[in-house]
């Protein structure tokens, strides 16, 4: 979703309103929807978009500064402030996930490491990762504001 961070860029997803430049071109999502509807009945599709807006509020909850309900309310207000009503109106539901636990993060890192091991094996290189190494990777790569994405970027480097 980072490519849609600017308020005006939502028009790339959904078509621009009438009288705006690009209205007749449709949007990336709506054009796919039109094509799928005509050919494959897009009505049963589920589209998931993720964003880390308001992650600081969840950190406040994790640190015991606010209740989870207060954190959720603030996150949802942040979503409303950031995204245009045009986009939000087209979403059937907005779901807020709980922050990932350390055990979940370990699983994410293990999956990513398995992918690295597969790529290395194709080049004839074997890789083994100890628990201490996994803990080091998590300690140096994880940022609660950005979720698990920095783990993947750290491993790619």
Protein backbone atom coordinates (compact mmCIF):
# COMPACT_ATOMS: atom_id res chain seq x y z
CA UNK A 1 0.00 0.00 0.00
CA UNK A 2 3.01 2.33 0.17
CA UNK A 3 2.43 3.28 -3.47
CA UNK A 4 -0.93 4.72 -2.40
CA UNK A 5 0.32 6.87 0.47
CA UNK A 6 -0.54 10.19 -1.19
CA UNK A 7 -4.19 11.15 -0.85
CA UNK A 8 -4.61 11.72 -4.60
CA UNK A 9 -3.02 8.39 -5.56
CA UNK A 10 -6.14 6.46 -4.53
CA UNK A 11 -7.47 7.37 -7.96
CA UNK A 12 -5.03 4.81 -9.39
CA UNK A 13 -6.90 2.10 -7.47
CA UNK A 14 -10.43 3.28 -8.04
CA UNK A 15 -11.35 5.40 -11.00
CA UNK A 16 -11.18 9.16 -10.68
CA UNK A 17 -14.47 10.99 -10.07
CA UNK A 18 -16.29 12.50 -13.08
CA UNK A 19 -14.70 15.69 -14.45
CA UNK A 20 -11.24 14.67 -13.14
CA UNK A 21 -8.29 13.72 -15.30
CA UNK A 22 -8.19 9.97 -15.81
CA UNK A 23 -11.89 9.37 -15.15
CA UNK A 24 -12.39 7.46 -18.37
CA UNK A 25 -9.32 5.28 -17.74
CA UNK A 26 -10.75 3.49 -14.70
CA UNK A 27 -8.60 2.36 -11.80
CA UNK A 28 -6.26 -0.58 -11.29
CA UNK A 29 -8.74 -2.31 -9.02
CA UNK A 30 -11.93 -1.34 -10.79
CA UNK A 31 -10.62 -2.30 -14.22
CA UNK A 32 -9.57 -5.73 -12.92
CA UNK A 33 -13.01 -5.99 -11.34
CA UNK A 34 -14.75 -5.19 -14.63
CA UNK A 35 -12.66 -7.74 -16.54
CA UNK A 36 -13.10 -10.44 -13.90
CA UNK A 37 -16.81 -9.78 -13.58
CA UNK A 38 -17.31 -10.27 -17.29
CA UNK A 39 -15.17 -13.39 -17.43
CA UNK A 40 -14.96 -15.06 -14.04
CA UNK A 41 -17.53 -13.61 -11.66
CA UNK A 42 -15.37 -11.46 -9.40
CA UNK A 43 -18.12 -11.38 -6.76
CA UNK A 44 -16.46 -14.09 -4.66
CA UNK A 45 -13.04 -12.43 -4.50
CA UNK A 46 -11.49 -11.14 -1.29
CA UNK A 47 -8.99 -8.32 -1.61
CA UNK A 48 -6.74 -7.65 1.37
CA UNK A 49 -4.77 -4.42 1.74
CA UNK A 50 -2.48 -3.79 4.68
CA UNK A 51 -1.09 -0.62 6.19
CA UNK A 52 0.72 0.19 9.43
CA UNK A 53 -1.07 3.46 10.15
CA UNK A 54 -1.37 4.22 13.83
CA UNK A 55 1.17 1.62 14.90
CA UNK A 56 2.34 4.04 17.59
CA UNK A 57 -1.04 3.79 19.27
CA UNK A 58 -0.69 0.02 19.46
CA UNK A 59 2.75 0.51 21.00
CA UNK A 60 1.15 2.71 23.64
CA UNK A 61 -1.26 -0.13 24.41
CA UNK A 62 1.57 -2.66 24.58
CA UNK A 63 3.45 -0.37 27.00
CA UNK A 64 0.31 -0.12 29.19
CA UNK A 65 -0.27 3.58 28.54
CA UNK A 66 -3.77 3.16 27.05
CA UNK A 67 -6.41 0.45 26.83
CA UNK A 68 -6.73 -1.64 23.69
CA UNK A 69 -10.08 0.00 22.90
CA UNK A 70 -8.54 3.47 23.07
CA UNK A 71 -5.67 2.32 20.84
CA UNK A 72 -8.10 0.79 18.32
CA UNK A 73 -10.25 3.94 18.27
CA UNK A 74 -7.18 6.10 17.64
CA UNK A 75 -5.93 3.82 14.87
CA UNK A 76 -9.30 3.89 13.12
CA UNK A 77 -9.37 7.69 13.41
CA UNK A 78 -5.90 7.77 11.83
CA UNK A 79 -7.20 5.61 8.96
CA UNK A 80 -10.12 8.01 8.43
CA UNK A 81 -7.77 11.00 8.50
CA UNK A 82 -5.32 9.43 6.05
CA UNK A 83 -7.48 7.79 3.39
CA UNK A 84 -10.08 9.57 1.34
CA UNK A 85 -13.77 8.88 1.96
CA UNK A 86 -13.93 7.67 -1.68
CA UNK A 87 -11.64 4.75 -0.88
CA UNK A 88 -13.03 3.96 2.56
CA UNK A 89 -16.58 3.97 1.18
CA UNK A 90 -15.63 1.24 -1.29
CA UNK A 91 -14.34 -1.10 1.42
CA UNK A 92 -16.84 -3.55 2.86
CA UNK A 93 -14.90 -3.93 6.07
CA UNK A 94 -11.82 -2.63 7.82
CA UNK A 95 -10.10 -5.12 10.11
CA UNK A 96 -7.43 -4.20 12.60
CA UNK A 97 -5.05 -6.98 13.53
CA UNK A 98 -3.45 -7.31 16.93
CA UNK A 99 0.30 -6.66 17.10
CA UNK A 100 2.42 -9.71 16.36
CA UNK A 101 3.80 -11.61 19.33
CA UNK A 102 7.49 -12.53 19.58
CA UNK A 103 6.60 -16.13 18.70
CA UNK A 104 4.77 -15.00 15.55
CA UNK A 105 7.77 -12.90 14.57
CA UNK A 106 10.05 -15.92 15.03
CA UNK A 107 7.80 -17.89 12.66
CA UNK A 108 7.90 -15.10 10.08
CA UNK A 109 11.70 -14.99 10.29
CA UNK A 110 11.93 -18.80 10.02
CA UNK A 111 9.75 -18.79 6.88
CA UNK A 112 11.87 -16.05 5.34
CA UNK A 113 15.07 -17.87 6.28
CA UNK A 114 13.73 -21.03 4.66
CA UNK A 115 13.27 -19.07 1.43
CA UNK A 116 16.85 -17.81 1.66
CA UNK A 117 18.07 -21.38 2.29
CA UNK A 118 16.23 -22.60 -0.81
CA UNK A 119 17.83 -19.90 -2.97
CA UNK A 120 21.26 -20.73 -1.54
CA UNK A 121 20.73 -24.47 -2.07
CA UNK A 122 20.09 -23.78 -5.75
CA UNK A 123 23.61 -22.36 -5.83
CA UNK A 124 25.06 -25.31 -3.94
CA UNK A 125 25.33 -23.54 -0.57
CA UNK A 126 23.89 -25.02 2.62
CA UNK A 127 22.65 -22.80 5.46
CA UNK A 128 21.78 -23.53 9.08
CA UNK A 129 20.52 -20.94 11.57
CA UNK A 130 20.80 -21.37 15.33
CA UNK A 131 18.25 -20.03 17.80
CA UNK A 132 20.82 -17.45 18.94
CA UNK A 133 21.22 -16.28 15.33
CA UNK A 134 17.44 -16.08 14.94
CA UNK A 135 17.20 -14.01 18.13
CA UNK A 136 19.93 -11.70 16.80
CA UNK A 137 18.07 -11.27 13.50
CA UNK A 138 14.87 -10.34 15.34
CA UNK A 139 16.65 -7.99 17.74
CA UNK A 140 18.40 -6.09 14.93
CA UNK A 141 15.67 -6.09 12.31
CA UNK A 142 12.26 -5.87 13.98
CA UNK A 143 10.66 -2.48 14.45
CA UNK A 144 7.22 -2.50 16.11
CA UNK A 145 6.17 0.57 14.13
CA UNK A 146 6.67 -1.20 10.79
CA UNK A 147 5.63 -4.73 11.74
CA UNK A 148 7.45 -7.74 10.28
CA UNK A 149 8.44 -6.12 6.97
CA UNK A 150 11.88 -4.97 8.17
CA UNK A 151 12.75 -8.60 8.95
CA UNK A 152 12.40 -9.49 5.27
CA UNK A 153 14.41 -6.44 4.18
CA UNK A 154 17.14 -7.28 6.70
CA UNK A 155 17.40 -10.82 5.37
CA UNK A 156 17.50 -9.63 1.77
CA UNK A 157 20.57 -7.54 2.54
